């Protein structure tokens, strides 16, 4: 993908963010290079299902990718 290709700005932005994440040490540094807040970077990654290293999640859970524990399922009340 190159600048000037017939793609949407969102596709171009996604690829640029992916490459910046791959070339930086952590997401904080990536957000500084991109000039966006870390929370904005997190939301974009979540929307695009992008892992911390910039790869697609392919069915993985975002919380698992972030090293967070998955939430416990709601208990089902007993039926009478």
C-alpha atoms as a PDB file:
ATOM      1  CA  UNK A   1       0.000   0.000   0.000  1.00  0.00           C
ATOM      2  CA  UNK A   2       1.385   3.387  -0.982  1.00  0.00           C
ATOM      3  CA  UNK A   3       0.354   6.999  -0.642  1.00  0.00           C
ATOM      4  CA  UNK A   4      -1.800   7.785  -3.645  1.00  0.00           C
ATOM      5  CA  UNK A   5      -3.241   4.269  -3.935  1.00  0.00           C
ATOM      6  CA  UNK A   6      -6.986   4.197  -4.467  1.00  0.00           C
ATOM      7  CA  UNK A   7      -7.888   3.282  -0.897  1.00  0.00           C
ATOM      8  CA  UNK A   8      -9.896   5.000   1.796  1.00  0.00           C
ATOM      9  CA  UNK A   9      -8.253   7.299   4.324  1.00  0.00           C
ATOM     10  CA  UNK A  10      -9.286   4.842   7.045  1.00  0.00           C
ATOM     11  CA  UNK A  11      -7.402   2.001   5.317  1.00  0.00           C
ATOM     12  CA  UNK A  12      -4.352   4.251   4.917  1.00  0.00           C
ATOM     13  CA  UNK A  13      -4.571   5.335   8.567  1.00  0.00           C
ATOM     14  CA  UNK A  14      -4.896   1.726   9.744  1.00  0.00           C
ATOM     15  CA  UNK A  15      -1.829   0.612   7.794  1.00  0.00           C
ATOM     16  CA  UNK A  16       0.201   3.614   8.976  1.00  0.00           C
ATOM     17  CA  UNK A  17      -0.729   2.921  12.608  1.00  0.00           C
ATOM     18  CA  UNK A  18       0.122  -0.771  12.131  1.00  0.00           C
ATOM     19  CA  UNK A  19       3.588   0.115  10.823  1.00  0.00           C
ATOM     20  CA  UNK A  20       4.273   2.686  13.554  1.00  0.00           C
ATOM     21  CA  UNK A  21       3.289   0.158  16.250  1.00  0.00           C
ATOM     22  CA  UNK A  22       5.608  -2.426  14.684  1.00  0.00           C
ATOM     23  CA  UNK A  23       8.540   0.037  14.699  1.00  0.00           C
ATOM     24  CA  UNK A  24       8.144   1.411  18.228  1.00  0.00           C
ATOM     25  CA  UNK A  25       8.948  -0.125  21.617  1.00  0.00           C
ATOM     26  CA  UNK A  26       5.482   0.239  23.115  1.00  0.00           C
ATOM     27  CA  UNK A  27       2.035   1.725  22.536  1.00  0.00           C
ATOM     28  CA  UNK A  28       2.862   4.890  24.498  1.00  0.00           C
ATOM     29  CA  UNK A  29       5.726   5.647  22.147  1.00  0.00           C
ATOM     30  CA  UNK A  30       3.534   4.789  19.157  1.00  0.00           C
ATOM     31  CA  UNK A  31       0.832   7.218  20.312  1.00  0.00           C
ATOM     32  CA  UNK A  32       3.442   9.983  20.742  1.00  0.00           C
ATOM     33  CA  UNK A  33       4.852   9.375  17.242  1.00  0.00           C
ATOM     34  CA  UNK A  34       1.321   9.383  15.801  1.00  0.00           C
ATOM     35  CA  UNK A  35       0.408  12.549  17.710  1.00  0.00           C
ATOM     36  CA  UNK A  36      -2.699  11.004  19.275  1.00  0.00           C
ATOM     37  CA  UNK A  37      -3.734  10.194  22.829  1.00  0.00           C
ATOM     38  CA  UNK A  38      -3.037   6.638  24.021  1.00  0.00           C
ATOM     39  CA  UNK A  39      -6.789   6.169  24.633  1.00  0.00           C
ATOM     40  CA  UNK A  40      -7.488   7.105  21.003  1.00  0.00           C
ATOM     41  CA  UNK A  41      -4.927   4.564  19.835  1.00  0.00           C
ATOM     42  CA  UNK A  42      -6.540   1.925  22.065  1.00  0.00           C
ATOM     43  CA  UNK A  43     -10.016   2.665  20.636  1.00  0.00           C
ATOM     44  CA  UNK A  44      -8.761   2.507  17.053  1.00  0.00           C
ATOM     45  CA  UNK A  45      -6.998  -0.803  17.746  1.00  0.00           C
ATOM     46  CA  UNK A  46     -10.137  -2.166  19.378  1.00  0.00           C
ATOM     47  CA  UNK A  47     -12.328  -1.094  16.433  1.00  0.00           C
ATOM     48  CA  UNK A  48      -9.906  -2.667  13.959  1.00  0.00           C
ATOM     49  CA  UNK A  49      -9.282  -5.742  16.203  1.00  0.00           C
ATOM     50  CA  UNK A  50      -5.546  -5.024  16.144  1.00  0.00           C
ATOM     51  CA  UNK A  51      -3.213  -6.643  18.701  1.00  0.00           C
ATOM     52  CA  UNK A  52      -0.542  -4.744  20.660  1.00  0.00           C
ATOM     53  CA  UNK A  53       2.062  -5.649  18.048  1.00  0.00           C
ATOM     54  CA  UNK A  54      -0.099  -4.353  15.180  1.00  0.00           C
ATOM     55  CA  UNK A  55      -1.235  -7.737  13.855  1.00  0.00           C
ATOM     56  CA  UNK A  56      -4.885  -8.636  13.291  1.00  0.00           C
ATOM     57  CA  UNK A  57      -6.442 -10.478  16.211  1.00  0.00           C
ATOM     58  CA  UNK A  58      -8.080 -13.254  14.098  1.00  0.00           C
ATOM     59  CA  UNK A  59     -10.698 -14.259  16.647  1.00  0.00           C
ATOM     60  CA  UNK A  60      -8.635 -13.517  19.769  1.00  0.00           C
ATOM     61  CA  UNK A  61     -10.202 -11.547  22.588  1.00  0.00           C
ATOM     62  CA  UNK A  62      -8.925  -7.961  22.989  1.00  0.00           C
ATOM     63  CA  UNK A  63      -8.590  -8.358  26.787  1.00  0.00           C
ATOM     64  CA  UNK A  64      -6.462 -11.478  26.304  1.00  0.00           C
ATOM     65  CA  UNK A  65      -4.232  -9.556  23.905  1.00  0.00           C
ATOM     66  CA  UNK A  66      -3.755  -6.817  26.482  1.00  0.00           C
ATOM     67  CA  UNK A  67      -2.796  -9.302  29.193  1.00  0.00           C
ATOM     68  CA  UNK A  68      -5.977  -8.666  31.138  1.00  0.00           C
ATOM     69  CA  UNK A  69      -8.083 -11.421  32.611  1.00  0.00           C
ATOM     70  CA  UNK A  70     -11.315 -12.133  30.798  1.00  0.00           C
ATOM     71  CA  UNK A  71     -14.406 -11.164  32.793  1.00  0.00           C
ATOM     72  CA  UNK A  72     -16.245 -13.961  34.550  1.00  0.00           C
ATOM     73  CA  UNK A  73     -19.562 -14.907  32.895  1.00  0.00           C
ATOM     74  CA  UNK A  74     -22.730 -13.829  34.665  1.00  0.00           C
ATOM     75  CA  UNK A  75     -24.130 -16.619  36.878  1.00  0.00           C
ATOM     76  CA  UNK A  76     -27.367 -18.089  35.642  1.00  0.00           C
ATOM     77  CA  UNK A  77     -30.095 -18.106  38.327  1.00  0.00           C
ATOM     78  CA  UNK A  78     -31.521 -21.558  39.079  1.00  0.00           C
ATOM     79  CA  UNK A  79     -34.904 -22.319  37.594  1.00  0.00           C
ATOM     80  CA  UNK A  80     -37.718 -23.740  39.681  1.00  0.00           C
END
